[in-house]
Amino acid sequence: MIQVTNLYKSFGELKVLEDISLHIKKGEIYGLIGRSGVGKSTLLRCINGLESYDAGSMLVDGREVKAMNQKELLAFRKNIGFIFQQFSLLNRMDVYNNVAFPMRSWKYDKKTIDRKVKELLELVGLSDKIHARPSELSGGQKQRVAIARALSLDPAILLCDEATSSLDPKTAYSFTDLLDKINKEMGITIVVVTHQMAILRRICQNITILQEGKVAVTGSVEDIFLKQHPALVELIGQQNIDLSQDGITIKVVISKENSQTPVLTQMVRDLNIDFVISGGAMEKFRDHTMGSILINLREQDLVKATQYLDAKHIPWYRMSPQEPQTAEVSVC
């Protein structure tokens, strides 16, 4: 659906994007993350042709964005919805007319506009706010109006630029649940720019982390989070765990394949060993739960415990007491 190959973008002497390559499949929810200023929003704007690029290729649905003339770009953007961080609603218009505005600009007939507006407001749960003004809405309701407006021209792609950054966590989760629903029911490809890790874990299938305008890592959300890729650790930090000086602490990864299996209790029974749980965390990843558990073992039990985990295909990492922020020596 979106194929980016060796893409470069500069603003004067400032290099913003350098040798960017990634592939976003049709119908998936894809995340772009990184610190402020690494080029996330610029890349998003290159996708829909709001920004040009200096070199490389940006193929969207098989078409090279840079090769289009202005008339072609206008028609091309009709197929791409955009949700902004600050909602960008027109305060002089009520909810109905905010959603109808793009369709009126494209000369849709009144009957089609009326049907579409009401369908979209039903979809986003705002049928009762159809005649309300933006000033009468909460932040979450404004963002839902923005979604309805972005969907009004039946786009194949939906771009979201920090769309949850001004929302409280509960409202943000409600917003992302709606995006997930839209993706599943309508098959729309969604590209999300955000700095909120919980949002990525909740809805994205694959992500790219950008560092200094370059791709640091690309892959599935589960793989990058569970393996704690260095680019992710640099971005979000690592929990500073006070490891015990007695025994050996390992991190046991609880993946979607083993999250419903009592691996550790089985290990205790099968091996007749003891351990202390030092910490851990479980997180929601789309339709399943994953995370990790830290266990402290006696040194003499380490080999048989890790051999047991390897035999069960359970990933684990040995934690370093000298550098408690990191995990070392992956043996899975």
Foldseek 3Di string as FASTA:
>chain_A
DKWWAQFWAADVPRTQAGGDTDDFDFLFEEEEEEDPRNCPVVVVCCQLLVDPTDDTFIADPRDTSNPDDPVVSVVSNLQEFEQEQQLPFDQVAFLLCSLLVVVVVVPDDPVLSVVLSCVLCVLLVNNVRNRPGPVPDDLLVSSSSSVSSRPSSPHQEYEYEQNCVPPDPVSSLSVLVSVQVCSVPVRHYYYYYHLDLLSCQAGHQKYFYGDNNYTPDIDGSQVCVQVVPVSNCVSPNFDQFQDDPAAWKKKWWFDQVPVPPPLVVVLCVVVVFDWAWRDWDWGHGHPGIIIITIIGGHNVCVVVSVVSCVVVVTWMFTADNVRRRDTDDTDD
